[in-house]
N, C-alpha and C. Protein backbone atom coordinates (compact mmCIF):
# COMPACT_ATOMS: atom_id res chain seq x y z
N MET A 1 0.98 -1.03 -0.06
CA MET A 1 -0.16 0.19 0.26
C MET A 1 1.24 1.22 0.03
N ASN A 2 -0.04 2.68 -0.86
CA ASN A 2 0.93 3.24 -0.86
C ASN A 2 0.43 4.97 -0.14
N VAL A 3 0.96 5.95 -0.33
CA VAL A 3 0.20 7.04 -0.55
C VAL A 3 -0.90 7.60 -1.21
N ALA A 4 -0.65 6.61 -2.83
CA ALA A 4 -2.13 7.30 -3.59
C ALA A 4 -3.06 6.26 -2.91
N THR A 5 -2.79 5.38 -2.67
CA THR A 5 -4.21 4.45 -1.99
C THR A 5 -4.69 5.49 -1.10
N ILE A 6 -4.45 5.93 -0.11
CA ILE A 6 -4.51 7.14 1.04
C ILE A 6 -5.44 8.11 -0.07
N LEU A 7 -4.63 8.87 -0.86
CA LEU A 7 -5.30 10.11 -1.06
C LEU A 7 -6.77 9.63 -1.85
N ALA A 8 -6.71 8.67 -2.43
CA ALA A 8 -7.95 7.40 -3.69
C ALA A 8 -9.16 7.65 -2.01
N GLU A 9 -8.58 7.59 -1.06
CA GLU A 9 -9.59 7.66 -0.29
C GLU A 9 -10.16 9.24 0.36
N LYS A 10 -9.44 9.76 0.64
CA LYS A 10 -9.70 11.15 1.16
C LYS A 10 -9.66 12.35 0.91
N GLY A 11 -9.10 12.00 -0.80
CA GLY A 11 -9.14 13.37 -1.92
C GLY A 11 -7.79 13.77 -1.81
N SER A 12 -7.75 14.86 -2.28
CA SER A 12 -6.63 16.09 -2.70
C SER A 12 -6.89 16.83 -2.18
N ASN A 13 -8.07 17.62 -1.67
CA ASN A 13 -8.49 18.51 -0.95
C ASN A 13 -7.08 18.90 0.10
N VAL A 14 -6.76 20.41 -0.11
CA VAL A 14 -5.34 20.69 0.54
C VAL A 14 -6.12 22.34 1.31
N VAL A 15 -5.73 22.74 2.59
CA VAL A 15 -6.54 23.80 2.20
C VAL A 15 -4.70 24.18 2.73
N THR A 16 -4.62 25.21 2.18
CA THR A 16 -3.52 26.79 2.75
C THR A 16 -3.93 27.95 3.17
N ALA A 17 -2.92 28.43 3.58
CA ALA A 17 -2.67 30.28 4.01
C ALA A 17 -1.35 30.37 3.68
N ARG A 18 -1.15 31.69 3.70
CA ARG A 18 -0.25 32.51 3.41
C ARG A 18 0.86 33.38 4.37
N PRO A 19 2.01 33.26 4.05
CA PRO A 19 2.92 33.71 5.03
C PRO A 19 2.36 34.69 6.30
N GLY A 20 2.09 35.57 5.34
CA GLY A 20 1.25 36.80 6.18
C GLY A 20 0.19 36.67 7.18
N ASP A 21 -0.72 35.92 6.89
CA ASP A 21 -1.38 35.76 7.22
C ASP A 21 -1.42 35.30 9.18
N SER A 22 -2.30 36.00 10.20
CA SER A 22 -2.09 36.11 11.51
C SER A 22 -2.25 34.53 11.90
N LEU A 23 -1.91 34.43 12.96
CA LEU A 23 -1.99 32.86 14.07
C LEU A 23 -4.03 32.89 14.61
N ILE A 24 -4.08 34.27 14.51
CA ILE A 24 -5.72 33.90 14.82
C ILE A 24 -6.67 33.72 13.54
N ASP A 25 -5.44 34.25 12.80
CA ASP A 25 -6.26 33.87 11.19
C ASP A 25 -6.31 32.30 10.79
N ILE A 26 -4.87 31.95 11.24
CA ILE A 26 -4.81 30.02 10.84
C ILE A 26 -5.52 29.69 12.26
N SER A 27 -5.97 29.51 13.26
CA SER A 27 -6.36 29.36 14.61
C SER A 27 -8.16 29.21 13.83
N ARG A 28 -8.27 30.34 13.16
CA ARG A 28 -10.33 29.78 12.49
C ARG A 28 -9.74 28.76 11.55
N ILE A 29 -8.97 29.49 10.70
CA ILE A 29 -9.14 28.62 9.37
C ILE A 29 -8.78 26.80 9.95
N LEU A 30 -8.40 26.82 10.66
CA LEU A 30 -8.02 25.04 11.63
C LEU A 30 -9.73 24.39 11.80
N ARG A 31 -10.30 25.24 12.53
CA ARG A 31 -11.64 25.55 13.06
C ARG A 31 -12.54 25.54 12.40
N GLN A 32 -12.41 25.79 11.29
CA GLN A 32 -13.72 25.89 10.15
C GLN A 32 -13.25 24.90 9.43
N HIS A 33 -12.46 24.48 9.06
CA HIS A 33 -12.09 23.37 8.06
C HIS A 33 -11.99 21.67 9.08
N GLY A 34 -11.92 21.79 10.52
CA GLY A 34 -11.92 20.67 11.58
C GLY A 34 -10.60 19.87 10.97
N ILE A 35 -9.39 20.99 10.96
CA ILE A 35 -8.35 20.22 10.53
C ILE A 35 -7.09 20.41 11.50
N GLY A 36 -5.94 19.71 11.36
CA GLY A 36 -5.03 19.97 12.53
C GLY A 36 -3.95 20.89 12.27
N CYS A 37 -3.75 20.88 10.99
CA CYS A 37 -2.51 21.65 10.37
C CYS A 37 -3.00 22.05 9.01
N ILE A 38 -2.11 23.25 8.50
CA ILE A 38 -1.94 23.87 7.50
C ILE A 38 -0.91 24.55 6.80
N VAL A 39 -1.28 23.91 5.58
CA VAL A 39 0.39 24.13 4.84
C VAL A 39 0.45 25.77 4.13
N ILE A 40 1.83 26.25 4.73
CA ILE A 40 1.97 27.71 4.54
C ILE A 40 2.44 27.94 3.40
N SER A 41 1.42 28.70 1.84
CA SER A 41 1.90 28.30 0.54
C SER A 41 2.30 29.92 0.55
N LYS A 42 3.24 30.51 -0.80
CA LYS A 42 3.27 31.73 -1.65
C LYS A 42 2.41 31.61 -2.41
N GLY A 43 1.97 30.41 -2.96
CA GLY A 43 1.24 30.25 -4.02
C GLY A 43 1.33 29.80 -5.04
N GLN A 44 1.04 28.86 -6.33
CA GLN A 44 1.43 28.24 -6.91
C GLN A 44 1.97 26.76 -6.67
N GLY A 45 1.52 26.13 -5.49
CA GLY A 45 1.68 24.73 -5.15
C GLY A 45 3.20 24.59 -4.38
N ASP A 46 3.21 26.02 -4.33
CA ASP A 46 4.33 25.72 -3.29
C ASP A 46 4.37 25.33 -1.53
N ILE A 47 5.56 25.35 -1.18
CA ILE A 47 5.23 25.05 0.31
C ILE A 47 6.47 25.73 1.36
N ALA A 48 5.88 26.45 1.62
CA ALA A 48 6.59 27.81 2.36
C ALA A 48 7.08 26.91 4.05
N GLY A 49 5.94 26.46 4.26
CA GLY A 49 5.95 25.80 5.77
C GLY A 49 4.69 25.56 6.22
N ILE A 50 4.43 24.67 6.95
CA ILE A 50 3.56 23.94 8.27
C ILE A 50 3.28 24.65 9.24
N VAL A 51 2.33 24.72 9.64
CA VAL A 51 1.96 24.87 10.75
C VAL A 51 0.55 23.96 11.68
N SER A 52 0.86 23.91 12.91
CA SER A 52 -0.25 22.50 13.28
C SER A 52 -0.82 23.58 14.71
N GLU A 53 -1.53 22.63 15.12
CA GLU A 53 -2.69 22.90 16.44
C GLU A 53 -1.74 23.09 17.07
N ARG A 54 -0.79 22.13 17.21
CA ARG A 54 0.82 21.81 18.59
C ARG A 54 1.49 23.68 18.66
N ASP A 55 2.03 23.86 17.04
CA ASP A 55 2.33 25.29 16.93
C ASP A 55 1.90 26.11 17.85
N LEU A 56 0.69 26.14 17.15
CA LEU A 56 0.02 27.50 18.30
C LEU A 56 -0.16 27.36 19.67
N VAL A 57 -0.33 26.60 19.91
CA VAL A 57 -0.28 25.97 21.17
C VAL A 57 0.85 26.78 21.91
N ARG A 58 2.08 26.25 21.23
CA ARG A 58 3.88 26.35 21.70
C ARG A 58 3.66 27.95 21.64
N ALA A 59 3.33 28.37 20.89
CA ALA A 59 3.66 30.58 20.47
C ALA A 59 2.85 30.72 21.80
N ILE A 60 1.62 30.17 21.84
CA ILE A 60 0.69 31.17 23.22
C ILE A 60 1.07 31.34 24.42
N ALA A 61 1.79 29.46 24.79
CA ALA A 61 2.35 29.16 25.81
C ALA A 61 3.77 30.07 26.07
N GLU A 62 4.65 30.18 24.91
CA GLU A 62 5.53 30.91 25.30
C GLU A 62 5.83 32.24 25.46
N PHE A 63 4.71 32.71 24.24
CA PHE A 63 5.12 34.73 24.19
C PHE A 63 3.29 35.09 24.56
N GLY A 64 2.34 34.57 24.82
CA GLY A 64 1.43 35.02 25.44
C GLY A 64 0.19 35.40 24.29
N GLN A 65 -0.94 35.77 24.36
CA GLN A 65 -2.37 35.59 22.91
C GLN A 65 -2.10 36.80 22.61
N GLU A 66 -0.72 38.00 22.99
CA GLU A 66 -0.42 38.96 21.65
C GLU A 66 0.08 37.80 20.43
N VAL A 67 0.52 37.25 20.90
CA VAL A 67 1.23 36.29 19.48
C VAL A 67 0.24 35.99 18.37
N LEU A 68 -0.99 36.11 18.76
CA LEU A 68 -2.19 35.98 17.56
C LEU A 68 -2.27 36.80 16.74
N SER A 69 -1.81 37.75 16.77
CA SER A 69 -1.66 38.97 16.02
C SER A 69 -0.48 38.83 15.24
N GLU A 70 0.02 38.04 15.37
CA GLU A 70 1.71 38.64 14.34
C GLU A 70 1.37 37.31 13.47
N PRO A 71 2.43 37.38 12.43
CA PRO A 71 2.33 36.44 11.38
C PRO A 71 3.17 35.15 11.47
N VAL A 72 2.02 34.46 10.71
CA VAL A 72 2.21 32.82 10.54
C VAL A 72 3.78 32.78 10.30
N SER A 73 4.16 33.26 9.41
CA SER A 73 5.31 32.81 9.09
C SER A 73 6.73 33.33 9.96
N GLU A 74 6.25 33.37 11.13
CA GLU A 74 6.75 33.68 12.83
C GLU A 74 6.69 32.13 13.07
N TYR A 75 6.14 31.58 13.07
CA TYR A 75 6.13 30.37 13.88
C TYR A 75 5.98 29.40 12.94
N MET A 76 5.78 28.98 12.11
CA MET A 76 5.38 27.88 11.31
C MET A 76 6.61 27.25 10.61
N THR A 77 6.86 25.60 11.15
CA THR A 77 8.06 24.46 10.62
C THR A 77 8.38 24.90 9.35
N ARG A 78 9.57 25.48 8.87
CA ARG A 78 9.89 25.75 7.48
C ARG A 78 10.66 24.27 6.88
N LYS A 79 11.05 23.46 7.84
CA LYS A 79 11.51 22.17 7.08
C LYS A 79 10.54 21.75 7.29
N VAL A 80 10.06 21.25 6.04
CA VAL A 80 8.92 20.40 5.70
C VAL A 80 9.14 18.78 4.88
N TYR A 81 8.93 18.12 5.84
CA TYR A 81 8.97 16.69 5.21
C TYR A 81 8.05 16.85 4.56
N SER A 82 8.19 16.07 2.79
CA SER A 82 6.88 15.81 1.89
C SER A 82 6.66 14.78 1.79
N CYS A 83 6.20 14.03 0.99
CA CYS A 83 5.86 12.55 0.24
C CYS A 83 5.66 12.46 -1.03
N LYS A 84 5.76 11.33 -1.69
CA LYS A 84 4.98 11.37 -3.10
C LYS A 84 4.00 10.33 -3.16
N LYS A 85 3.08 9.99 -4.48
CA LYS A 85 2.05 9.20 -4.08
C LYS A 85 2.86 7.90 -4.11
N SER A 86 4.24 8.15 -4.24
CA SER A 86 4.46 6.59 -4.67
C SER A 86 5.03 5.93 -3.61
N ASP A 87 5.66 6.39 -2.62
CA ASP A 87 5.87 6.74 -1.00
C ASP A 87 5.21 5.04 -0.31
N THR A 88 5.77 4.20 0.26
CA THR A 88 5.09 3.60 0.56
C THR A 88 4.45 4.19 2.37
N ILE A 89 3.76 2.99 2.86
CA ILE A 89 2.99 3.10 4.25
C ILE A 89 3.78 3.12 5.22
N ASP A 90 4.83 2.55 4.55
CA ASP A 90 5.92 1.99 6.26
C ASP A 90 7.06 2.62 5.72
N ALA A 91 7.52 3.16 5.24
CA ALA A 91 8.20 4.33 4.86
C ALA A 91 7.33 6.09 5.42
N ILE A 92 6.28 5.93 5.12
CA ILE A 92 5.85 7.45 5.70
C ILE A 92 5.58 7.23 7.48
N MET A 93 5.27 6.01 7.63
CA MET A 93 5.22 5.68 9.39
C MET A 93 6.62 6.15 10.25
N ALA A 94 7.70 5.59 9.34
CA ALA A 94 9.02 5.46 9.98
C ALA A 94 9.22 7.39 9.99
N ALA A 95 9.22 7.73 8.69
CA ALA A 95 9.27 9.07 8.72
C ALA A 95 8.74 10.01 9.27
N MET A 96 7.43 10.03 9.95
CA MET A 96 6.76 10.61 10.83
C MET A 96 7.04 10.25 12.39
N THR A 97 7.55 8.66 12.83
CA THR A 97 8.08 8.32 13.42
C THR A 97 8.96 9.06 13.91
N ASP A 98 10.22 8.64 13.27
CA ASP A 98 11.30 9.45 13.90
C ASP A 98 11.32 10.87 13.30
N GLY A 99 10.67 11.65 12.61
CA GLY A 99 10.63 13.00 12.67
C GLY A 99 9.66 13.78 13.60
N ARG A 100 9.29 12.88 13.97
CA ARG A 100 7.99 13.05 15.19
C ARG A 100 7.18 14.18 14.64
N PHE A 101 6.41 13.91 13.74
CA PHE A 101 5.33 15.12 13.23
C PHE A 101 4.27 13.77 12.51
N ARG A 102 3.39 15.05 12.71
CA ARG A 102 2.08 14.02 12.22
C ARG A 102 1.26 14.27 10.92
N HIS A 103 1.72 15.15 10.46
CA HIS A 103 0.99 15.61 8.99
C HIS A 103 2.13 15.77 8.07
N MET A 104 1.14 15.69 6.75
CA MET A 104 3.29 15.13 5.75
C MET A 104 2.34 15.94 4.48
N PRO A 105 2.84 16.63 4.23
CA PRO A 105 2.38 17.14 2.56
C PRO A 105 2.88 15.62 1.38
N VAL A 106 1.50 16.05 0.37
CA VAL A 106 2.26 15.34 -0.53
C VAL A 106 2.30 15.91 -2.12
N VAL A 107 3.55 16.06 -2.68
CA VAL A 107 4.25 16.59 -3.68
C VAL A 107 4.42 15.94 -5.01
N GLU A 108 3.98 16.17 -5.76
CA GLU A 108 4.21 15.29 -7.33
C GLU A 108 4.39 17.04 -8.21
N ASN A 109 5.62 16.71 -8.88
CA ASN A 109 5.85 17.58 -10.24
C ASN A 109 6.10 19.05 -9.47
N ASP A 110 6.71 19.37 -7.88
CA ASP A 110 7.11 20.35 -7.58
C ASP A 110 5.69 21.14 -6.93
N LYS A 111 4.42 20.11 -6.87
CA LYS A 111 3.03 21.04 -6.76
C LYS A 111 2.65 19.89 -5.85
N LEU A 112 1.85 20.41 -4.64
CA LEU A 112 1.00 19.75 -3.63
C LEU A 112 -0.42 19.79 -3.90
N ILE A 113 0.24 18.06 -3.75
CA ILE A 113 -1.88 17.37 -3.86
C ILE A 113 -1.88 17.31 -3.36
N GLY A 114 -1.61 17.19 -1.53
CA GLY A 114 -2.40 16.65 -0.87
C GLY A 114 -1.98 16.67 0.65
N VAL A 115 -2.10 16.27 1.72
CA VAL A 115 -1.91 16.06 3.10
C VAL A 115 -2.55 14.99 3.56
N ILE A 116 -1.12 14.16 4.18
CA ILE A 116 -2.07 12.68 4.85
C ILE A 116 -1.19 13.17 6.48
N SER A 117 -2.42 12.12 7.38
CA SER A 117 -2.02 12.52 8.67
C SER A 117 -1.55 10.86 9.11
N ILE A 118 -1.07 11.05 10.22
CA ILE A 118 -0.65 10.05 10.82
C ILE A 118 -2.13 9.16 11.22
N GLY A 119 -3.16 9.76 11.63
CA GLY A 119 -4.55 8.99 11.55
C GLY A 119 -4.60 8.71 10.17
N ASP A 120 -4.49 9.03 9.28
CA ASP A 120 -4.67 8.24 7.61
C ASP A 120 -3.99 7.06 7.75
N VAL A 121 -2.66 7.17 8.08
CA VAL A 121 -1.57 6.04 7.97
C VAL A 121 -2.19 5.23 8.73
N VAL A 122 -2.66 5.24 9.68
CA VAL A 122 -3.10 4.39 10.77
C VAL A 122 -4.53 3.61 10.14
N ARG A 123 -5.33 4.50 10.06
CA ARG A 123 -6.72 3.84 9.72
C ARG A 123 -5.68 3.00 8.45
N LEU A 124 -5.50 3.41 7.44
CA LEU A 124 -5.13 2.13 6.36
C LEU A 124 -4.00 0.97 6.70
N ARG A 125 -3.27 0.78 7.92
CA ARG A 125 -2.79 -0.26 8.18
C ARG A 125 -3.78 -1.52 9.37
N ILE A 126 -4.86 -0.51 9.75
CA ILE A 126 -5.60 -1.18 10.45
C ILE A 126 -6.54 -1.86 9.08
N ALA A 127 -7.30 -1.28 7.96
CA ALA A 127 -7.72 -2.04 7.16
C ALA A 127 -7.34 -3.12 6.35
N GLU A 128 -5.91 -2.90 6.59
CA GLU A 128 -4.47 -4.06 6.15
C GLU A 128 -4.39 -4.91 6.75
N ALA A 129 -4.60 -4.76 8.04
CA ALA A 129 -4.07 -5.89 8.76
C ALA A 129 -5.82 -7.01 9.46
N GLU A 130 -6.81 -6.16 9.20
CA GLU A 130 -8.32 -6.52 9.06
C GLU A 130 -8.09 -7.88 7.86
N MET A 131 -7.95 -7.03 7.13
CA MET A 131 -8.42 -7.63 5.14
C MET A 131 -7.32 -8.99 5.28
N GLU A 132 -5.99 -9.01 6.14
CA GLU A 132 -5.22 -10.54 6.40
C GLU A 132 -5.74 -10.94 7.30
N ALA A 133 -6.07 -10.70 8.15
CA ALA A 133 -6.94 -11.73 9.45
C ALA A 133 -7.70 -12.68 8.78
N SER A 134 -9.03 -11.47 8.18
CA SER A 134 -9.92 -11.92 7.30
C SER A 134 -9.55 -13.17 6.09
N ALA A 135 -8.85 -12.46 5.27
CA ALA A 135 -8.40 -14.07 4.64
C ALA A 135 -7.73 -15.42 5.05
N MET A 136 -6.85 -15.16 6.69
CA MET A 136 -6.19 -16.14 7.15
C MET A 136 -7.57 -16.92 7.67
N ARG A 137 -8.39 -16.23 8.17
CA ARG A 137 -9.55 -16.95 8.83
C ARG A 137 -9.98 -17.60 7.56
N SER A 138 -10.73 -17.51 6.62
CA SER A 138 -10.89 -17.82 5.04
C SER A 138 -10.39 -18.85 4.93
N TYR A 139 -8.95 -19.30 4.97
CA TYR A 139 -7.93 -19.68 4.34
C TYR A 139 -8.07 -20.87 5.49
N ILE A 140 -8.34 -20.97 6.73
CA ILE A 140 -7.68 -21.84 7.78
C ILE A 140 -9.27 -22.65 8.04
N ALA A 141 -10.38 -21.84 7.39
CA ALA A 141 -11.85 -22.56 7.79
C ALA A 141 -12.13 -23.41 6.44
N THR A 142 -10.97 -23.20 5.16
CA THR A 142 -11.66 -24.37 3.98
C THR A 142 -10.25 -25.09 4.23
N GLY A 143 -9.34 -24.96 4.62
CA GLY A 143 -8.10 -26.01 4.25
C GLY A 143 -8.45 -26.99 5.28
């Protein structure tokens, strides 16, 4: 199984924001879309950074509520790990675990085409395990 399998199920809709958007704007976008992170883009499908709910909480905890009016570019993660549709689920799980992040943009031909989360990856792995268990039970029953 690979990233394309996840995107086929969840779709390729990606919510993005601009580097100049304030942290309060980002928090409202997260709430509006019911998502945990936003890719920050200057346009044309590029990736300038990524910001998550966790990033917002850390900024507020460190600098106080005044930080909410500041631009997201000051607090976003600039070193963004991305993947391709052909990357395997095992490789994505390893990268997310090693890098300690929960969201990964999907990029093809230098264009942002989706975002996957650790929840997406776990859901796919559970479905895969259930399918294997069912096949094994069927094999044993007919054996």
